[in-house]
């Protein structure tokens, strides 16, 4: 709480623990978009430990054509609630 000029301002800051999982083709079942069991379990355990898991699968990255698209993609994945965030 910050008190300034006799007015009370409340700030609610939220902090998240983020686990960024960048998954290459070896982490998926052959010719599918389904994670292997150990990878799915890893993400479940991270969630149980309180992490916000952000998955970056290879098949989404391969569709991007430029660095700008990559940066925009990562911003959308990491900050989905803040559409207008710019670095």
PDB file of N, CA and C in Angstrom:
ATOM      1  N   UNK A   1       0.832  -1.171   0.000  1.00  0.00           N
ATOM      2  CA  UNK A   1       0.000   0.000   0.000  1.00  0.00           C
ATOM      3  C   UNK A   1       0.882   1.243   0.000  1.00  0.00           C
ATOM      4  N   UNK A   2       0.543   2.179  -0.851  1.00  0.00           N
ATOM      5  CA  UNK A   2       1.290   3.438  -0.923  1.00  0.00           C
ATOM      6  C   UNK A   2       0.357   4.568  -0.513  1.00  0.00           C
ATOM      7  N   UNK A   3       0.823   5.404   0.400  1.00  0.00           N
ATOM      8  CA  UNK A   3       0.014   6.554   0.822  1.00  0.00           C
ATOM      9  C   UNK A   3       0.682   7.805   0.277  1.00  0.00           C
ATOM     10  N   UNK A   4      -0.089   8.555  -0.510  1.00  0.00           N
ATOM     11  CA  UNK A   4       0.447   9.764  -1.126  1.00  0.00           C
ATOM     12  C   UNK A   4      -0.653  10.816  -1.131  1.00  0.00           C
ATOM     13  N   UNK A   5      -0.360  11.982  -0.587  1.00  0.00           N
ATOM     14  CA  UNK A   5      -1.327  13.083  -0.509  1.00  0.00           C
ATOM     15  C   UNK A   5      -2.636  12.644   0.131  1.00  0.00           C
ATOM     16  N   UNK A   6      -2.527  11.894   1.212  1.00  0.00           N
ATOM     17  CA  UNK A   6      -3.673  11.415   1.983  1.00  0.00           C
ATOM     18  C   UNK A   6      -4.605  10.492   1.201  1.00  0.00           C
ATOM     19  N   UNK A   7      -4.177  10.015   0.066  1.00  0.00           N
ATOM     20  CA  UNK A   7      -4.984   9.063  -0.691  1.00  0.00           C
ATOM     21  C   UNK A   7      -4.287   7.711  -0.626  1.00  0.00           C
ATOM     22  N   UNK A   8      -5.070   6.674  -0.489  1.00  0.00           N
ATOM     23  CA  UNK A   8      -4.496   5.351  -0.437  1.00  0.00           C
ATOM     24  C   UNK A   8      -4.598   4.706  -1.818  1.00  0.00           C
ATOM     25  N   UNK A   9      -3.483   4.250  -2.305  1.00  0.00           N
ATOM     26  CA  UNK A   9      -3.454   3.559  -3.595  1.00  0.00           C
ATOM     27  C   UNK A   9      -3.069   2.111  -3.341  1.00  0.00           C
ATOM     28  N   UNK A  10      -3.841   1.201  -3.818  1.00  0.00           N
ATOM     29  CA  UNK A  10      -3.528  -0.215  -3.664  1.00  0.00           C
ATOM     30  C   UNK A  10      -2.982  -0.752  -4.971  1.00  0.00           C
ATOM     31  N   UNK A  11      -1.864  -1.423  -4.883  1.00  0.00           N
ATOM     32  CA  UNK A  11      -1.270  -2.056  -6.048  1.00  0.00           C
ATOM     33  C   UNK A  11      -1.294  -3.555  -5.832  1.00  0.00           C
ATOM     34  N   UNK A  12      -1.815  -4.240  -6.785  1.00  0.00           N
ATOM     35  CA  UNK A  12      -1.846  -5.694  -6.711  1.00  0.00           C
ATOM     36  C   UNK A  12      -0.912  -6.235  -7.787  1.00  0.00           C
ATOM     37  N   UNK A  13       0.287  -6.605  -7.370  1.00  0.00           N
ATOM     38  CA  UNK A  13       1.253  -7.158  -8.308  1.00  0.00           C
ATOM     39  C   UNK A  13       1.206  -8.668  -8.213  1.00  0.00           C
ATOM     40  N   UNK A  14       1.173  -9.312  -9.351  1.00  0.00           N
ATOM     41  CA  UNK A  14       1.178 -10.761  -9.365  1.00  0.00           C
ATOM     42  C   UNK A  14       2.455 -11.240 -10.031  1.00  0.00           C
ATOM     43  N   UNK A  15       3.081 -12.193  -9.403  1.00  0.00           N
ATOM     44  CA  UNK A  15       4.288 -12.783  -9.945  1.00  0.00           C
ATOM     45  C   UNK A  15       4.028 -14.258 -10.215  1.00  0.00           C
ATOM     46  N   UNK A  16       4.518 -14.729 -11.323  1.00  0.00           N
ATOM     47  CA  UNK A  16       4.326 -16.121 -11.703  1.00  0.00           C
ATOM     48  C   UNK A  16       5.673 -16.779 -11.930  1.00  0.00           C
ATOM     49  N   UNK A  17       5.738 -18.021 -11.573  1.00  0.00           N
ATOM     50  CA  UNK A  17       6.899 -18.823 -11.927  1.00  0.00           C
ATOM     51  C   UNK A  17       6.567 -19.459 -13.264  1.00  0.00           C
ATOM     52  N   UNK A  18       7.394 -19.208 -14.237  1.00  0.00           N
ATOM     53  CA  UNK A  18       7.126 -19.667 -15.599  1.00  0.00           C
ATOM     54  C   UNK A  18       8.157 -20.717 -15.993  1.00  0.00           C
ATOM     55  N   UNK A  19       7.653 -21.819 -16.553  1.00  0.00           N
ATOM     56  CA  UNK A  19       8.529 -22.847 -17.124  1.00  0.00           C
ATOM     57  C   UNK A  19       8.307 -22.830 -18.628  1.00  0.00           C
ATOM     58  N   UNK A  20       9.344 -22.517 -19.365  1.00  0.00           N
ATOM     59  CA  UNK A  20       9.268 -22.458 -20.817  1.00  0.00           C
ATOM     60  C   UNK A  20       9.765 -23.796 -21.371  1.00  0.00           C
ATOM     61  N   UNK A  21       8.870 -24.565 -21.970  1.00  0.00           N
ATOM     62  CA  UNK A  21       9.213 -25.884 -22.515  1.00  0.00           C
ATOM     63  C   UNK A  21       9.288 -25.783 -24.034  1.00  0.00           C
ATOM     64  N   UNK A  22      10.500 -25.800 -24.553  1.00  0.00           N
ATOM     65  CA  UNK A  22      10.710 -25.740 -25.995  1.00  0.00           C
ATOM     66  C   UNK A  22      10.882 -27.174 -26.470  1.00  0.00           C
ATOM     67  N   UNK A  23       9.888 -27.677 -27.176  1.00  0.00           N
ATOM     68  CA  UNK A  23       9.833 -29.097 -27.524  1.00  0.00           C
ATOM     69  C   UNK A  23      10.178 -29.349 -28.981  1.00  0.00           C
ATOM     70  N   UNK A  24      11.256 -30.103 -29.191  1.00  0.00           N
ATOM     71  CA  UNK A  24      11.658 -30.484 -30.544  1.00  0.00           C
ATOM     72  C   UNK A  24      10.933 -31.774 -30.948  1.00  0.00           C
ATOM     73  N   UNK A  25      11.093 -32.230 -32.187  1.00  0.00           N
ATOM     74  CA  UNK A  25      10.356 -33.413 -32.666  1.00  0.00           C
ATOM     75  C   UNK A  25      10.620 -34.674 -31.838  1.00  0.00           C
ATOM     76  N   UNK A  26      11.780 -34.786 -31.201  1.00  0.00           N
ATOM     77  CA  UNK A  26      12.102 -35.979 -30.417  1.00  0.00           C
ATOM     78  C   UNK A  26      11.250 -36.116 -29.157  1.00  0.00           C
ATOM     79  N   UNK A  27      10.540 -35.087 -28.781  1.00  0.00           N
ATOM     80  CA  UNK A  27       9.717 -35.118 -27.568  1.00  0.00           C
ATOM     81  C   UNK A  27       8.263 -35.476 -27.867  1.00  0.00           C
ATOM     82  N   UNK A  28       7.985 -35.787 -29.120  1.00  0.00           N
ATOM     83  CA  UNK A  28       6.625 -36.141 -29.533  1.00  0.00           C
ATOM     84  C   UNK A  28       6.605 -37.561 -30.078  1.00  0.00           C
ATOM     85  N   UNK A  29       5.438 -38.186 -29.996  1.00  0.00           N
ATOM     86  CA  UNK A  29       5.275 -39.491 -30.628  1.00  0.00           C
ATOM     87  C   UNK A  29       5.488 -39.326 -32.128  1.00  0.00           C
ATOM     88  N   UNK A  30       5.964 -40.363 -32.765  1.00  0.00           N
ATOM     89  CA  UNK A  30       6.310 -40.315 -34.178  1.00  0.00           C
ATOM     90  C   UNK A  30       5.125 -39.880 -35.039  1.00  0.00           C
ATOM     91  N   UNK A  31       5.332 -38.849 -35.857  1.00  0.00           N
ATOM     92  CA  UNK A  31       4.344 -38.318 -36.799  1.00  0.00           C
ATOM     93  C   UNK A  31       3.052 -37.842 -36.131  1.00  0.00           C
ATOM     94  N   UNK A  32       3.141 -37.379 -34.887  1.00  0.00           N
ATOM     95  CA  UNK A  32       1.961 -36.849 -34.198  1.00  0.00           C
ATOM     96  C   UNK A  32       2.337 -35.553 -33.476  1.00  0.00           C
ATOM     97  N   UNK A  33       1.336 -34.931 -32.893  1.00  0.00           N
ATOM     98  CA  UNK A  33       1.552 -33.738 -32.074  1.00  0.00           C
ATOM     99  C   UNK A  33       1.308 -34.066 -30.604  1.00  0.00           C
ATOM    100  N   UNK A  34       1.462 -35.348 -30.236  1.00  0.00           N
ATOM    101  CA  UNK A  34       1.248 -35.801 -28.866  1.00  0.00           C
ATOM    102  C   UNK A  34       2.594 -35.966 -28.163  1.00  0.00           C
ATOM    103  N   UNK A  35       2.730 -35.293 -27.016  1.00  0.00           N
ATOM    104  CA  UNK A  35       3.966 -35.399 -26.250  1.00  0.00           C
ATOM    105  C   UNK A  35       4.180 -36.825 -25.763  1.00  0.00           C
ATOM    106  N   UNK A  36       5.436 -37.220 -25.680  1.00  0.00           N
ATOM    107  CA  UNK A  36       5.769 -38.502 -25.074  1.00  0.00           C
ATOM    108  C   UNK A  36       5.388 -38.453 -23.591  1.00  0.00           C
ATOM    109  N   UNK A  37       5.200 -39.619 -23.009  1.00  0.00           N
ATOM    110  CA  UNK A  37       4.767 -39.699 -21.613  1.00  0.00           C
ATOM    111  C   UNK A  37       5.667 -38.954 -20.645  1.00  0.00           C
ATOM    112  N   UNK A  38       6.991 -39.105 -20.797  1.00  0.00           N
ATOM    113  CA  UNK A  38       7.902 -38.433 -19.855  1.00  0.00           C
ATOM    114  C   UNK A  38       7.824 -36.923 -19.969  1.00  0.00           C
ATOM    115  N   UNK A  39       7.571 -36.424 -21.169  1.00  0.00           N
ATOM    116  CA  UNK A  39       7.457 -34.973 -21.351  1.00  0.00           C
ATOM    117  C   UNK A  39       6.148 -34.450 -20.769  1.00  0.00           C
ATOM    118  N   UNK A  40       5.071 -35.183 -20.980  1.00  0.00           N
ATOM    119  CA  UNK A  40       3.782 -34.789 -20.407  1.00  0.00           C
ATOM    120  C   UNK A  40       3.854 -34.822 -18.879  1.00  0.00           C
ATOM    121  N   UNK A  41       4.532 -35.844 -18.333  1.00  0.00           N
ATOM    122  CA  UNK A  41       4.677 -35.946 -16.878  1.00  0.00           C
ATOM    123  C   UNK A  41       5.519 -34.789 -16.336  1.00  0.00           C
ATOM    124  N   UNK A  42       6.557 -34.409 -17.070  1.00  0.00           N
ATOM    125  CA  UNK A  42       7.393 -33.284 -16.643  1.00  0.00           C
ATOM    126  C   UNK A  42       6.541 -32.018 -16.528  1.00  0.00           C
ATOM    127  N   UNK A  43       5.697 -31.784 -17.523  1.00  0.00           N
ATOM    128  CA  UNK A  43       4.854 -30.590 -17.488  1.00  0.00           C
ATOM    129  C   UNK A  43       3.835 -30.661 -16.348  1.00  0.00           C
ATOM    130  N   UNK A  44       3.279 -31.857 -16.097  1.00  0.00           N
ATOM    131  CA  UNK A  44       2.354 -32.023 -14.969  1.00  0.00           C
ATOM    132  C   UNK A  44       3.055 -31.719 -13.647  1.00  0.00           C
ATOM    133  N   UNK A  45       4.268 -32.224 -13.478  1.00  0.00           N
ATOM    134  CA  UNK A  45       5.012 -31.977 -12.248  1.00  0.00           C
ATOM    135  C   UNK A  45       5.327 -30.491 -12.077  1.00  0.00           C
ATOM    136  N   UNK A  46       5.689 -29.835 -13.164  1.00  0.00           N
ATOM    137  CA  UNK A  46       5.949 -28.396 -13.080  1.00  0.00           C
ATOM    138  C   UNK A  46       4.705 -27.633 -12.643  1.00  0.00           C
ATOM    139  N   UNK A  47       3.549 -28.023 -13.175  1.00  0.00           N
ATOM    140  CA  UNK A  47       2.297 -27.368 -12.766  1.00  0.00           C
ATOM    141  C   UNK A  47       2.018 -27.616 -11.282  1.00  0.00           C
ATOM    142  N   UNK A  48       2.247 -28.849 -10.831  1.00  0.00           N
ATOM    143  CA  UNK A  48       2.035 -29.167  -9.419  1.00  0.00           C
ATOM    144  C   UNK A  48       2.966 -28.367  -8.507  1.00  0.00           C
ATOM    145  N   UNK A  49       4.142 -28.022  -9.008  1.00  0.00           N
ATOM    146  CA  UNK A  49       5.088 -27.209  -8.244  1.00  0.00           C
ATOM    147  C   UNK A  49       4.770 -25.715  -8.312  1.00  0.00           C
ATOM    148  N   UNK A  50       3.703 -25.367  -9.022  1.00  0.00           N
ATOM    149  CA  UNK A  50       3.262 -23.976  -9.063  1.00  0.00           C
ATOM    150  C   UNK A  50       3.735 -23.176 -10.253  1.00  0.00           C
ATOM    151  N   UNK A  51       4.316 -23.835 -11.235  1.00  0.00           N
ATOM    152  CA  UNK A  51       4.779 -23.133 -12.426  1.00  0.00           C
ATOM    153  C   UNK A  51       3.638 -22.968 -13.432  1.00  0.00           C
ATOM    154  N   UNK A  52       3.693 -21.871 -14.146  1.00  0.00           N
ATOM    155  CA  UNK A  52       2.839 -21.676 -15.319  1.00  0.00           C
ATOM    156  C   UNK A  52       3.652 -22.214 -16.496  1.00  0.00           C
ATOM    157  N   UNK A  53       3.191 -23.316 -17.094  1.00  0.00           N
ATOM    158  CA  UNK A  53       3.953 -23.971 -18.157  1.00  0.00           C
ATOM    159  C   UNK A  53       3.552 -23.391 -19.507  1.00  0.00           C
ATOM    160  N   UNK A  54       4.553 -22.918 -20.241  1.00  0.00           N
ATOM    161  CA  UNK A  54       4.349 -22.393 -21.593  1.00  0.00           C
ATOM    162  C   UNK A  54       5.058 -23.340 -22.548  1.00  0.00           C
ATOM    163  N   UNK A  55       4.278 -24.006 -23.393  1.00  0.00           N
ATOM    164  CA  UNK A  55       4.855 -24.967 -24.333  1.00  0.00           C
ATOM    165  C   UNK A  55       5.105 -24.287 -25.678  1.00  0.00           C
ATOM    166  N   UNK A  56       6.305 -24.481 -26.194  1.00  0.00           N
ATOM    167  CA  UNK A  56       6.697 -23.966 -27.505  1.00  0.00           C
ATOM    168  C   UNK A  56       7.052 -25.179 -28.362  1.00  0.00           C
ATOM    169  N   UNK A  57       6.088 -25.734 -29.100  1.00  0.00           N
ATOM    170  CA  UNK A  57       6.375 -26.924 -29.905  1.00  0.00           C
ATOM    171  C   UNK A  57       7.031 -26.561 -31.243  1.00  0.00           C
ATOM    172  N   UNK A  58       7.862 -27.460 -31.710  1.00  0.00           N
ATOM    173  CA  UNK A  58       8.621 -27.236 -32.944  1.00  0.00           C
ATOM    174  C   UNK A  58       7.701 -26.948 -34.133  1.00  0.00           C
ATOM    175  N   UNK A  59       6.555 -27.606 -34.204  1.00  0.00           N
ATOM    176  CA  UNK A  59       5.692 -27.462 -35.374  1.00  0.00           C
ATOM    177  C   UNK A  59       5.045 -26.081 -35.468  1.00  0.00           C
ATOM    178  N   UNK A  60       4.969 -25.353 -34.359  1.00  0.00           N
ATOM    179  CA  UNK A  60       4.493 -23.966 -34.428  1.00  0.00           C
ATOM    180  C   UNK A  60       5.629 -23.025 -34.832  1.00  0.00           C
ATOM    181  N   UNK A  61       6.834 -23.300 -34.348  1.00  0.00           N
ATOM    182  CA  UNK A  61       7.999 -22.474 -34.683  1.00  0.00           C
ATOM    183  C   UNK A  61       8.321 -22.584 -36.174  1.00  0.00           C
ATOM    184  N   UNK A  62       8.185 -23.782 -36.733  1.00  0.00           N
ATOM    185  CA  UNK A  62       8.517 -23.988 -38.146  1.00  0.00           C
ATOM    186  C   UNK A  62       7.659 -23.159 -39.095  1.00  0.00           C
ATOM    187  N   UNK A  63       6.474 -22.755 -38.658  1.00  0.00           N
ATOM    188  CA  UNK A  63       5.568 -21.971 -39.504  1.00  0.00           C
ATOM    189  C   UNK A  63       5.962 -20.493 -39.594  1.00  0.00           C
ATOM    190  N   UNK A  64       6.798 -20.039 -38.672  1.00  0.00           N
ATOM    191  CA  UNK A  64       7.175 -18.624 -38.631  1.00  0.00           C
ATOM    192  C   UNK A  64       8.225 -18.317 -39.691  1.00  0.00           C
ATOM    193  N   UNK A  65       8.086 -17.157 -40.311  1.00  0.00           N
ATOM    194  CA  UNK A  65       8.938 -16.821 -41.453  1.00  0.00           C
ATOM    195  C   UNK A  65      10.042 -15.814 -41.147  1.00  0.00           C
ATOM    196  N   UNK A  66       9.940 -15.102 -40.017  1.00  0.00           N
ATOM    197  CA  UNK A  66      10.940 -14.076 -39.724  1.00  0.00           C
ATOM    198  C   UNK A  66      11.148 -13.960 -38.218  1.00  0.00           C
ATOM    199  N   UNK A  67      12.176 -13.228 -37.857  1.00  0.00           N
ATOM    200  CA  UNK A  67      12.441 -12.991 -36.437  1.00  0.00           C
ATOM    201  C   UNK A  67      11.317 -12.173 -35.805  1.00  0.00           C
ATOM    202  N   UNK A  68      10.768 -11.248 -36.558  1.00  0.00           N
ATOM    203  CA  UNK A  68       9.672 -10.426 -36.042  1.00  0.00           C
ATOM    204  C   UNK A  68       8.488 -11.318 -35.688  1.00  0.00           C
ATOM    205  N   UNK A  69       8.159 -12.249 -36.568  1.00  0.00           N
ATOM    206  CA  UNK A  69       7.065 -13.187 -36.287  1.00  0.00           C
ATOM    207  C   UNK A  69       7.384 -14.037 -35.071  1.00  0.00           C
ATOM    208  N   UNK A  70       8.647 -14.433 -34.923  1.00  0.00           N
ATOM    209  CA  UNK A  70       9.054 -15.236 -33.772  1.00  0.00           C
ATOM    210  C   UNK A  70       8.879 -14.449 -32.479  1.00  0.00           C
ATOM    211  N   UNK A  71       9.311 -13.204 -32.469  1.00  0.00           N
ATOM    212  CA  UNK A  71       9.174 -12.361 -31.281  1.00  0.00           C
ATOM    213  C   UNK A  71       7.704 -12.161 -30.933  1.00  0.00           C
ATOM    214  N   UNK A  72       6.877 -11.883 -31.938  1.00  0.00           N
ATOM    215  CA  UNK A  72       5.443 -11.702 -31.700  1.00  0.00           C
ATOM    216  C   UNK A  72       4.809 -12.987 -31.171  1.00  0.00           C
ATOM    217  N   UNK A  73       5.215 -14.118 -31.726  1.00  0.00           N
ATOM    218  CA  UNK A  73       4.717 -15.420 -31.272  1.00  0.00           C
ATOM    219  C   UNK A  73       5.071 -15.642 -29.797  1.00  0.00           C
ATOM    220  N   UNK A  74       6.335 -15.398 -29.443  1.00  0.00           N
ATOM    221  CA  UNK A  74       6.762 -15.587 -28.065  1.00  0.00           C
ATOM    222  C   UNK A  74       6.048 -14.633 -27.113  1.00  0.00           C
ATOM    223  N   UNK A  75       5.821 -13.409 -27.553  1.00  0.00           N
ATOM    224  CA  UNK A  75       5.067 -12.462 -26.722  1.00  0.00           C
ATOM    225  C   UNK A  75       3.651 -12.966 -26.475  1.00  0.00           C
ATOM    226  N   UNK A  76       3.005 -13.480 -27.516  1.00  0.00           N
ATOM    227  CA  UNK A  76       1.645 -14.016 -27.351  1.00  0.00           C
ATOM    228  C   UNK A  76       1.630 -15.208 -26.402  1.00  0.00           C
ATOM    229  N   UNK A  77       2.639 -16.066 -26.493  1.00  0.00           N
ATOM    230  CA  UNK A  77       2.694 -17.248 -25.638  1.00  0.00           C
ATOM    231  C   UNK A  77       3.000 -16.879 -24.185  1.00  0.00           C
ATOM    232  N   UNK A  78       3.947 -15.944 -23.993  1.00  0.00           N
ATOM    233  CA  UNK A  78       4.358 -15.595 -22.636  1.00  0.00           C
ATOM    234  C   UNK A  78       3.423 -14.603 -21.952  1.00  0.00           C
ATOM    235  N   UNK A  79       2.805 -13.722 -22.723  1.00  0.00           N
ATOM    236  CA  UNK A  79       1.938 -12.688 -22.159  1.00  0.00           C
ATOM    237  C   UNK A  79       0.576 -12.695 -22.853  1.00  0.00           C
ATOM    238  N   UNK A  80      -0.180 -13.777 -22.746  1.00  0.00           N
ATOM    239  CA  UNK A  80      -1.456 -13.850 -23.481  1.00  0.00           C
ATOM    240  C   UNK A  80      -2.482 -12.815 -23.026  1.00  0.00           C
ATOM    241  N   UNK A  81      -2.406 -12.357 -21.776  1.00  0.00           N
ATOM    242  CA  UNK A  81      -3.376 -11.391 -21.267  1.00  0.00           C
ATOM    243  C   UNK A  81      -3.021  -9.965 -21.638  1.00  0.00           C
ATOM    244  N   UNK A  82      -1.807  -9.723 -22.105  1.00  0.00           N
ATOM    245  CA  UNK A  82      -1.370  -8.364 -22.444  1.00  0.00           C
ATOM    246  C   UNK A  82      -1.023  -8.318 -23.925  1.00  0.00           C
ATOM    247  N   UNK A  83      -2.019  -8.161 -24.731  1.00  0.00           N
ATOM    248  CA  UNK A  83      -1.856  -8.223 -26.175  1.00  0.00           C
ATOM    249  C   UNK A  83      -0.934  -7.133 -26.701  1.00  0.00           C
ATOM    250  N   UNK A  84      -0.949  -5.954 -26.107  1.00  0.00           N
ATOM    251  CA  UNK A  84      -0.189  -4.836 -26.633  1.00  0.00           C
ATOM    252  C   UNK A  84       1.224  -4.689 -26.076  1.00  0.00           C
ATOM    253  N   UNK A  85       1.738  -5.688 -25.406  1.00  0.00           N
ATOM    254  CA  UNK A  85       3.079  -5.590 -24.808  1.00  0.00           C
ATOM    255  C   UNK A  85       4.135  -5.541 -25.906  1.00  0.00           C
ATOM    256  N   UNK A  86       5.043  -4.610 -25.790  1.00  0.00           N
ATOM    257  CA  UNK A  86       6.159  -4.474 -26.748  1.00  0.00           C
ATOM    258  C   UNK A  86       7.464  -4.473 -25.987  1.00  0.00           C
ATOM    259  N   UNK A  87       8.504  -5.087 -26.556  1.00  0.00           N
ATOM    260  CA  UNK A  87       9.826  -5.086 -25.932  1.00  0.00           C
ATOM    261  C   UNK A  87      10.667  -4.033 -26.574  1.00  0.00           C
TER     262      UNK A  87
END
